[in-house]
Amino acid sequence: MMTTMRQNMADAYAEGHHEAANLLDRLTDLLGDMPPPDADGINWGNVGSLRHVIAMLKEVETHLEGATK
């Protein structure tokens, strides 16, 4: 029974790790789709959206830094 629980845990972790890596790839693509800094028409809404994304990414970074210690 312990082996089954450990295998389920390992499988769940591997699945989660793969999903997180795919999300990171998707986020990289989405960030690349945002207007570049020198684009015409940048407005304060764009700035606010980007700052919001940065704040959320910093939260993830902080969480992951704690998980690796």
PDB file of N, CA and C in Angstrom:
ATOM      1  N   MET A   1       0.819  -1.194   0.000  1.00  0.00           N
ATOM      2  CA  MET A   1       0.000   0.000   0.000  1.00  0.00           C
ATOM      3  C   MET A   1       0.864   1.259   0.000  1.00  0.00           C
ATOM      4  N   MET A   2       1.950   1.265   0.790  1.00  0.00           N
ATOM      5  CA  MET A   2       2.835   2.427   0.811  1.00  0.00           C
ATOM      6  C   MET A   2       3.436   2.696  -0.557  1.00  0.00           C
ATOM      7  N   THR A   3       3.796   1.619  -1.258  1.00  0.00           N
ATOM      8  CA  THR A   3       4.369   1.774  -2.593  1.00  0.00           C
ATOM      9  C   THR A   3       3.370   2.431  -3.526  1.00  0.00           C
ATOM     10  N   THR A   4       2.102   2.030  -3.451  1.00  0.00           N
ATOM     11  CA  THR A   4       1.061   2.612  -4.294  1.00  0.00           C
ATOM     12  C   THR A   4       0.881   4.088  -3.980  1.00  0.00           C
ATOM     13  N   MET A   5       0.848   4.449  -2.695  1.00  0.00           N
ATOM     14  CA  MET A   5       0.691   5.850  -2.308  1.00  0.00           C
ATOM     15  C   MET A   5       1.881   6.668  -2.782  1.00  0.00           C
ATOM     16  N   ARG A   6       3.086   6.126  -2.644  1.00  0.00           N
ATOM     17  CA  ARG A   6       4.279   6.836  -3.101  1.00  0.00           C
ATOM     18  C   ARG A   6       4.273   6.999  -4.611  1.00  0.00           C
ATOM     19  N   GLN A   7       3.831   5.964  -5.320  1.00  0.00           N
ATOM     20  CA  GLN A   7       3.781   6.050  -6.784  1.00  0.00           C
ATOM     21  C   GLN A   7       2.738   7.066  -7.211  1.00  0.00           C
ATOM     22  N   ASN A   8       1.584   7.076  -6.530  1.00  0.00           N
ATOM     23  CA  ASN A   8       0.557   8.067  -6.845  1.00  0.00           C
ATOM     24  C   ASN A   8       1.078   9.476  -6.608  1.00  0.00           C
ATOM     25  N   MET A   9       1.827   9.647  -5.512  1.00  0.00           N
ATOM     26  CA  MET A   9       2.400  10.946  -5.203  1.00  0.00           C
ATOM     27  C   MET A   9       3.412  11.333  -6.282  1.00  0.00           C
ATOM     28  N   ALA A  10       4.261  10.409  -6.657  1.00  0.00           N
ATOM     29  CA  ALA A  10       5.272  10.686  -7.684  1.00  0.00           C
ATOM     30  C   ALA A  10       4.610  11.013  -9.015  1.00  0.00           C
ATOM     31  N   ASP A  11       3.561  10.274  -9.361  1.00  0.00           N
ATOM     32  CA  ASP A  11       2.840  10.548 -10.600  1.00  0.00           C
ATOM     33  C   ASP A  11       2.174  11.921 -10.566  1.00  0.00           C
ATOM     34  N   ALA A  12       1.555  12.248  -9.429  1.00  0.00           N
ATOM     35  CA  ALA A  12       0.895  13.540  -9.293  1.00  0.00           C
ATOM     36  C   ALA A  12       1.905  14.681  -9.382  1.00  0.00           C
ATOM     37  N   TYR A  13       3.069  14.494  -8.768  1.00  0.00           N
ATOM     38  CA  TYR A  13       4.105  15.527  -8.820  1.00  0.00           C
ATOM     39  C   TYR A  13       4.620  15.691 -10.244  1.00  0.00           C
ATOM     40  N   ALA A  14       4.870  14.581 -10.924  1.00  0.00           N
ATOM     41  CA  ALA A  14       5.361  14.647 -12.303  1.00  0.00           C
ATOM     42  C   ALA A  14       4.345  15.343 -13.198  1.00  0.00           C
ATOM     43  N   GLU A  15       3.073  15.038 -13.009  1.00  0.00           N
ATOM     44  CA  GLU A  15       2.018  15.681 -13.798  1.00  0.00           C
ATOM     45  C   GLU A  15       1.968  17.182 -13.513  1.00  0.00           C
ATOM     46  N   GLY A  16       2.047  17.547 -12.238  1.00  0.00           N
ATOM     47  CA  GLY A  16       2.037  18.960 -11.864  1.00  0.00           C
ATOM     48  C   GLY A  16       3.247  19.704 -12.397  1.00  0.00           C
ATOM     49  N   HIS A  17       4.400  19.054 -12.348  1.00  0.00           N
ATOM     50  CA  HIS A  17       5.634  19.671 -12.844  1.00  0.00           C
ATOM     51  C   HIS A  17       5.518  19.934 -14.345  1.00  0.00           C
ATOM     52  N   HIS A  18       4.992  18.974 -15.061  1.00  0.00           N
ATOM     53  CA  HIS A  18       4.799  19.110 -16.504  1.00  0.00           C
ATOM     54  C   HIS A  18       3.796  20.231 -16.811  1.00  0.00           C
ATOM     55  N   GLU A  19       2.714  20.288 -16.053  1.00  0.00           N
ATOM     56  CA  GLU A  19       1.709  21.335 -16.256  1.00  0.00           C
ATOM     57  C   GLU A  19       2.289  22.722 -15.969  1.00  0.00           C
ATOM     58  N   ALA A  20       3.076  22.831 -14.909  1.00  0.00           N
ATOM     59  CA  ALA A  20       3.699  24.120 -14.576  1.00  0.00           C
ATOM     60  C   ALA A  20       4.656  24.556 -15.685  1.00  0.00           C
ATOM     61  N   ALA A  21       5.432  23.625 -16.214  1.00  0.00           N
ATOM     62  CA  ALA A  21       6.358  23.950 -17.307  1.00  0.00           C
ATOM     63  C   ALA A  21       5.590  24.403 -18.550  1.00  0.00           C
ATOM     64  N   ASN A  22       4.469  23.743 -18.839  1.00  0.00           N
ATOM     65  CA  ASN A  22       3.649  24.160 -19.981  1.00  0.00           C
ATOM     66  C   ASN A  22       3.058  25.548 -19.769  1.00  0.00           C
ATOM     67  N   LEU A  23       2.626  25.829 -18.532  1.00  0.00           N
ATOM     68  CA  LEU A  23       2.104  27.165 -18.218  1.00  0.00           C
ATOM     69  C   LEU A  23       3.176  28.226 -18.399  1.00  0.00           C
ATOM     70  N   LEU A  24       4.381  27.923 -17.970  1.00  0.00           N
ATOM     71  CA  LEU A  24       5.474  28.868 -18.123  1.00  0.00           C
ATOM     72  C   LEU A  24       5.739  29.161 -19.599  1.00  0.00           C
ATOM     73  N   ASP A  25       5.722  28.126 -20.412  1.00  0.00           N
ATOM     74  CA  ASP A  25       5.883  28.322 -21.857  1.00  0.00           C
ATOM     75  C   ASP A  25       4.764  29.204 -22.415  1.00  0.00           C
ATOM     76  N   ARG A  26       3.534  28.949 -21.983  1.00  0.00           N
ATOM     77  CA  ARG A  26       2.385  29.728 -22.459  1.00  0.00           C
ATOM     78  C   ARG A  26       2.508  31.177 -22.010  1.00  0.00           C
ATOM     79  N   LEU A  27       2.917  31.397 -20.766  1.00  0.00           N
ATOM     80  CA  LEU A  27       3.083  32.763 -20.262  1.00  0.00           C
ATOM     81  C   LEU A  27       4.164  33.506 -21.044  1.00  0.00           C
ATOM     82  N   THR A  28       5.225  32.810 -21.384  1.00  0.00           N
ATOM     83  CA  THR A  28       6.288  33.416 -22.201  1.00  0.00           C
ATOM     84  C   THR A  28       5.725  33.847 -23.548  1.00  0.00           C
ATOM     85  N   ASP A  29       4.913  32.991 -24.160  1.00  0.00           N
ATOM     86  CA  ASP A  29       4.282  33.341 -25.441  1.00  0.00           C
ATOM     87  C   ASP A  29       3.366  34.550 -25.294  1.00  0.00           C
ATOM     88  N   LEU A  30       2.549  34.547 -24.253  1.00  0.00           N
ATOM     89  CA  LEU A  30       1.613  35.653 -24.044  1.00  0.00           C
ATOM     90  C   LEU A  30       2.338  36.969 -23.782  1.00  0.00           C
ATOM     91  N   LEU A  31       3.418  36.916 -23.019  1.00  0.00           N
ATOM     92  CA  LEU A  31       4.206  38.116 -22.774  1.00  0.00           C
ATOM     93  C   LEU A  31       4.797  38.634 -24.082  1.00  0.00           C
ATOM     94  N   GLY A  32       5.236  37.715 -24.932  1.00  0.00           N
ATOM     95  CA  GLY A  32       5.759  38.105 -26.239  1.00  0.00           C
ATOM     96  C   GLY A  32       4.712  38.728 -27.131  1.00  0.00           C
ATOM     97  N   ASP A  33       3.436  38.402 -26.894  1.00  0.00           N
ATOM     98  CA  ASP A  33       2.339  38.980 -27.676  1.00  0.00           C
ATOM     99  C   ASP A  33       1.965  40.388 -27.227  1.00  0.00           C
ATOM    100  N   MET A  34       2.429  40.778 -26.048  1.00  0.00           N
ATOM    101  CA  MET A  34       2.126  42.133 -25.564  1.00  0.00           C
ATOM    102  C   MET A  34       2.906  43.148 -26.402  1.00  0.00           C
ATOM    103  N   PRO A  35       2.404  44.380 -26.448  1.00  0.00           N
ATOM    104  CA  PRO A  35       3.113  45.393 -27.231  1.00  0.00           C
ATOM    105  C   PRO A  35       4.540  45.589 -26.721  1.00  0.00           C
ATOM    106  N   PRO A  36       5.491  45.710 -27.630  1.00  0.00           N
ATOM    107  CA  PRO A  36       6.867  45.972 -27.193  1.00  0.00           C
ATOM    108  C   PRO A  36       6.970  47.388 -26.628  1.00  0.00           C
ATOM    109  N   PRO A  37       8.011  47.663 -25.842  1.00  0.00           N
ATOM    110  CA  PRO A  37       8.145  48.971 -25.209  1.00  0.00           C
ATOM    111  C   PRO A  37       8.140  50.153 -26.188  1.00  0.00           C
ATOM    112  N   ASP A  38       8.603  49.937 -27.403  1.00  0.00           N
ATOM    113  CA  ASP A  38       8.663  51.053 -28.350  1.00  0.00           C
ATOM    114  C   ASP A  38       7.441  51.118 -29.279  1.00  0.00           C
ATOM    115  N   ALA A  39       6.377  50.372 -28.973  1.00  0.00           N
ATOM    116  CA  ALA A  39       5.182  50.344 -29.820  1.00  0.00           C
ATOM    117  C   ALA A  39       4.392  51.647 -29.683  1.00  0.00           C
ATOM    118  N   ASP A  40       3.790  52.051 -30.770  1.00  0.00           N
ATOM    119  CA  ASP A  40       2.879  53.194 -30.732  1.00  0.00           C
ATOM    120  C   ASP A  40       1.610  52.788 -29.997  1.00  0.00           C
ATOM    121  N   GLY A  41       1.011  53.719 -29.313  1.00  0.00           N
ATOM    122  CA  GLY A  41      -0.272  53.473 -28.672  1.00  0.00           C
ATOM    123  C   GLY A  41      -0.205  52.885 -27.280  1.00  0.00           C
ATOM    124  N   ILE A  42       0.975  52.793 -26.697  1.00  0.00           N
ATOM    125  CA  ILE A  42       1.068  52.313 -25.310  1.00  0.00           C
ATOM    126  C   ILE A  42       0.314  53.299 -24.433  1.00  0.00           C
ATOM    127  N   ASN A  43      -0.494  52.764 -23.511  1.00  0.00           N
ATOM    128  CA  ASN A  43      -1.254  53.635 -22.617  1.00  0.00           C
ATOM    129  C   ASN A  43      -1.094  53.157 -21.171  1.00  0.00           C
ATOM    130  N   TRP A  44      -1.673  53.912 -20.246  1.00  0.00           N
ATOM    131  CA  TRP A  44      -1.540  53.563 -18.835  1.00  0.00           C
ATOM    132  C   TRP A  44      -2.217  52.238 -18.504  1.00  0.00           C
ATOM    133  N   GLY A  45      -3.198  51.850 -19.288  1.00  0.00           N
ATOM    134  CA  GLY A  45      -3.810  50.533 -19.102  1.00  0.00           C
ATOM    135  C   GLY A  45      -2.803  49.424 -19.361  1.00  0.00           C
ATOM    136  N   ASN A  46      -1.992  49.594 -20.416  1.00  0.00           N
ATOM    137  CA  ASN A  46      -0.931  48.617 -20.704  1.00  0.00           C
ATOM    138  C   ASN A  46       0.059  48.552 -19.555  1.00  0.00           C
ATOM    139  N   VAL A  47       0.416  49.711 -19.028  1.00  0.00           N
ATOM    140  CA  VAL A  47       1.367  49.778 -17.912  1.00  0.00           C
ATOM    141  C   VAL A  47       0.788  49.061 -16.689  1.00  0.00           C
ATOM    142  N   GLY A  48      -0.478  49.341 -16.391  1.00  0.00           N
ATOM    143  CA  GLY A  48      -1.123  48.707 -15.244  1.00  0.00           C
ATOM    144  C   GLY A  48      -1.208  47.196 -15.400  1.00  0.00           C
ATOM    145  N   SER A  49      -1.547  46.741 -16.600  1.00  0.00           N
ATOM    146  CA  SER A  49      -1.628  45.304 -16.851  1.00  0.00           C
ATOM    147  C   SER A  49      -0.271  44.641 -16.655  1.00  0.00           C
ATOM    148  N   LEU A  50       0.760  45.266 -17.188  1.00  0.00           N
ATOM    149  CA  LEU A  50       2.102  44.701 -17.063  1.00  0.00           C
ATOM    150  C   LEU A  50       2.562  44.686 -15.610  1.00  0.00           C
ATOM    151  N   ARG A  51       2.265  45.749 -14.877  1.00  0.00           N
ATOM    152  CA  ARG A  51       2.637  45.780 -13.453  1.00  0.00           C
ATOM    153  C   ARG A  51       1.893  44.708 -12.661  1.00  0.00           C
ATOM    154  N   HIS A  52       0.645  44.461 -13.028  1.00  0.00           N
ATOM    155  CA  HIS A  52      -0.131  43.416 -12.356  1.00  0.00           C
ATOM    156  C   HIS A  52       0.496  42.043 -12.622  1.00  0.00           C
ATOM    157  N   VAL A  53       0.874  41.795 -13.860  1.00  0.00           N
ATOM    158  CA  VAL A  53       1.536  40.540 -14.219  1.00  0.00           C
ATOM    159  C   VAL A  53       2.836  40.388 -13.436  1.00  0.00           C
ATOM    160  N   ILE A  54       3.610  41.452 -13.359  1.00  0.00           N
ATOM    161  CA  ILE A  54       4.879  41.415 -12.623  1.00  0.00           C
ATOM    162  C   ILE A  54       4.642  41.076 -11.153  1.00  0.00           C
ATOM    163  N   ALA A  55       3.629  41.686 -10.546  1.00  0.00           N
ATOM    164  CA  ALA A  55       3.330  41.419  -9.135  1.00  0.00           C
ATOM    165  C   ALA A  55       2.972  39.945  -8.926  1.00  0.00           C
ATOM    166  N   MET A  56       2.162  39.387  -9.824  1.00  0.00           N
ATOM    167  CA  MET A  56       1.789  37.979  -9.692  1.00  0.00           C
ATOM    168  C   MET A  56       2.994  37.066  -9.906  1.00  0.00           C
ATOM    169  N   LEU A  57       3.847  37.396 -10.861  1.00  0.00           N
ATOM    170  CA  LEU A  57       5.039  36.582 -11.103  1.00  0.00           C
ATOM    171  C   LEU A  57       5.998  36.640  -9.918  1.00  0.00           C
ATOM    172  N   LYS A  58       6.107  37.798  -9.285  1.00  0.00           N
ATOM    173  CA  LYS A  58       6.957  37.911  -8.096  1.00  0.00           C
ATOM    174  C   LYS A  58       6.422  37.052  -6.966  1.00  0.00           C
ATOM    175  N   GLU A  59       5.089  36.958  -6.859  1.00  0.00           N
ATOM    176  CA  GLU A  59       4.483  36.110  -5.837  1.00  0.00           C
ATOM    177  C   GLU A  59       4.827  34.641  -6.095  1.00  0.00           C
ATOM    178  N   VAL A  60       4.753  34.224  -7.337  1.00  0.00           N
ATOM    179  CA  VAL A  60       5.126  32.858  -7.704  1.00  0.00           C
ATOM    180  C   VAL A  60       6.614  32.623  -7.426  1.00  0.00           C
ATOM    181  N   GLU A  61       7.429  33.602  -7.792  1.00  0.00           N
ATOM    182  CA  GLU A  61       8.869  33.476  -7.546  1.00  0.00           C
ATOM    183  C   GLU A  61       9.163  33.294  -6.069  1.00  0.00           C
ATOM    184  N   THR A  62       8.523  34.094  -5.227  1.00  0.00           N
ATOM    185  CA  THR A  62       8.721  33.998  -3.788  1.00  0.00           C
ATOM    186  C   THR A  62       8.285  32.630  -3.260  1.00  0.00           C
ATOM    187  N   HIS A  63       7.167  32.152  -3.761  1.00  0.00           N
ATOM    188  CA  HIS A  63       6.684  30.835  -3.348  1.00  0.00           C
ATOM    189  C   HIS A  63       7.671  29.733  -3.731  1.00  0.00           C
ATOM    190  N   LEU A  64       8.142  29.787  -4.960  1.00  0.00           N
ATOM    191  CA  LEU A  64       9.066  28.753  -5.422  1.00  0.00           C
ATOM    192  C   LEU A  64      10.414  28.826  -4.724  1.00  0.00           C
ATOM    193  N   GLU A  65      10.868  30.027  -4.411  1.00  0.00           N
ATOM    194  CA  GLU A  65      12.125  30.153  -3.679  1.00  0.00           C
ATOM    195  C   GLU A  65      12.003  29.503  -2.300  1.00  0.00           C
ATOM    196  N   GLY A  66      10.856  29.645  -1.672  1.00  0.00           N
ATOM    197  CA  GLY A  66      10.625  29.004  -0.368  1.00  0.00           C
ATOM    198  C   GLY A  66      10.518  27.495  -0.487  1.00  0.00           C
ATOM    199  N   ALA A  67      10.007  27.013  -1.617  1.00  0.00           N
ATOM    200  CA  ALA A  67       9.831  25.582  -1.803  1.00  0.00           C
ATOM    201  C   ALA A  67      11.143  24.864  -2.077  1.00  0.00           C
ATOM    202  N   THR A  68      12.154  25.599  -2.524  1.00  0.00           N
ATOM    203  CA  THR A  68      13.426  24.972  -2.838  1.00  0.00           C
ATOM    204  C   THR A  68      14.384  24.982  -1.657  1.00  0.00           C
ATOM    205  N   LYS A  69      13.985  25.571  -0.563  1.00  0.00           N
ATOM    206  CA  LYS A  69      14.862  25.638   0.613  1.00  0.00           C
ATOM    207  C   LYS A  69      14.586  24.495   1.555  1.00  0.00           C
TER     208      LYS A  69
END
